[in-house]
Amino acid sequence: MTNQNQKETKTTTFQRATYLLGTIFTGIVSYTTLTGDLQTIIHFAGILNEIGFFMMGSFLTLIFAYLTIAE
């Protein structure tokens, strides 16, 4: 028989790991957008599109980082 607390701990650990991987991935995407290295893979139509992409990636990174800590 499994304990209820053990089941919740495994789920919480998996969720935190998922949020941490999301934080790392979106952080890498934001950083490569900021340095301009992503231009070789994704061709943006204009500078405002690139700035918007960076800002949305940065916000997503912050959200994932918050969820990693708060969950």
Protein backbone atom coordinates (compact mmCIF):
# COMPACT_ATOMS: atom_id res chain seq x y z
CA MET A 1 0.00 0.00 0.00
CA THR A 2 1.42 3.40 -0.98
CA ASN A 3 1.27 6.44 1.19
CA GLN A 4 -0.70 9.44 -0.11
CA ASN A 5 2.20 11.80 0.66
CA GLN A 6 4.63 9.72 -1.41
CA LYS A 7 2.37 9.95 -4.44
CA GLU A 8 2.10 13.74 -4.11
CA THR A 9 5.87 14.08 -3.69
CA LYS A 10 6.56 12.16 -6.90
CA THR A 11 4.07 14.28 -8.83
CA THR A 12 5.48 17.51 -7.42
CA THR A 13 9.04 16.43 -8.21
CA PHE A 14 8.07 15.58 -11.79
CA GLN A 15 6.29 18.93 -12.20
CA ARG A 16 9.28 20.84 -10.84
CA ALA A 17 11.61 18.98 -13.17
CA THR A 18 9.35 19.79 -16.10
CA TYR A 19 9.22 23.47 -15.14
CA LEU A 20 13.00 23.52 -14.71
CA LEU A 21 13.53 22.06 -18.18
CA GLY A 22 11.10 24.65 -19.57
CA THR A 23 13.05 27.40 -17.83
CA ILE A 24 16.34 26.19 -19.28
CA PHE A 25 14.96 25.75 -22.80
CA THR A 26 13.19 29.11 -22.98
CA GLY A 27 16.21 30.80 -21.38
CA ILE A 28 18.45 29.42 -24.12
CA VAL A 29 16.01 30.56 -26.81
CA SER A 30 15.83 34.05 -25.28
CA TYR A 31 19.60 34.30 -24.95
CA THR A 32 20.26 33.21 -28.52
CA THR A 33 17.65 35.71 -29.72
CA LEU A 34 19.35 38.46 -27.72
CA THR A 35 22.80 37.68 -29.14
CA GLY A 36 21.47 37.37 -32.70
CA ASP A 37 22.53 33.74 -33.20
CA LEU A 38 18.92 32.66 -33.73
CA GLN A 39 18.78 34.71 -36.95
CA THR A 40 20.52 31.86 -38.78
CA ILE A 41 17.63 29.52 -37.94
CA ILE A 42 14.59 31.81 -37.74
CA HIS A 43 14.44 34.70 -40.20
CA PHE A 44 12.40 37.49 -38.63
CA ALA A 45 10.44 39.87 -40.87
CA GLY A 46 11.63 42.93 -38.94
CA ILE A 47 13.40 44.16 -35.86
CA LEU A 48 10.14 44.60 -33.96
CA ASN A 49 9.29 40.94 -34.54
CA GLU A 50 12.64 39.94 -33.09
CA ILE A 51 12.18 42.22 -30.08
CA GLY A 52 8.68 40.83 -29.49
CA PHE A 53 9.96 37.26 -29.77
CA PHE A 54 12.68 38.02 -27.23
CA MET A 55 10.27 39.66 -24.81
CA MET A 56 7.76 36.80 -24.97
CA GLY A 57 10.56 34.28 -24.49
CA SER A 58 11.88 36.23 -21.52
CA PHE A 59 8.46 36.41 -19.90
CA LEU A 60 7.97 32.70 -20.44
CA THR A 61 11.37 32.05 -18.84
CA LEU A 62 10.37 34.11 -15.81
CA ILE A 63 7.03 32.32 -15.52
CA PHE A 64 8.67 28.89 -15.67
CA ALA A 65 11.29 29.98 -13.11
CA TYR A 66 8.56 31.18 -10.76
CA LEU A 67 6.63 27.93 -11.16
CA THR A 68 9.79 25.93 -10.45
CA ILE A 69 10.27 27.73 -7.15
CA ALA A 70 6.64 28.21 -6.08
CA GLU A 71 5.24 24.75 -6.89
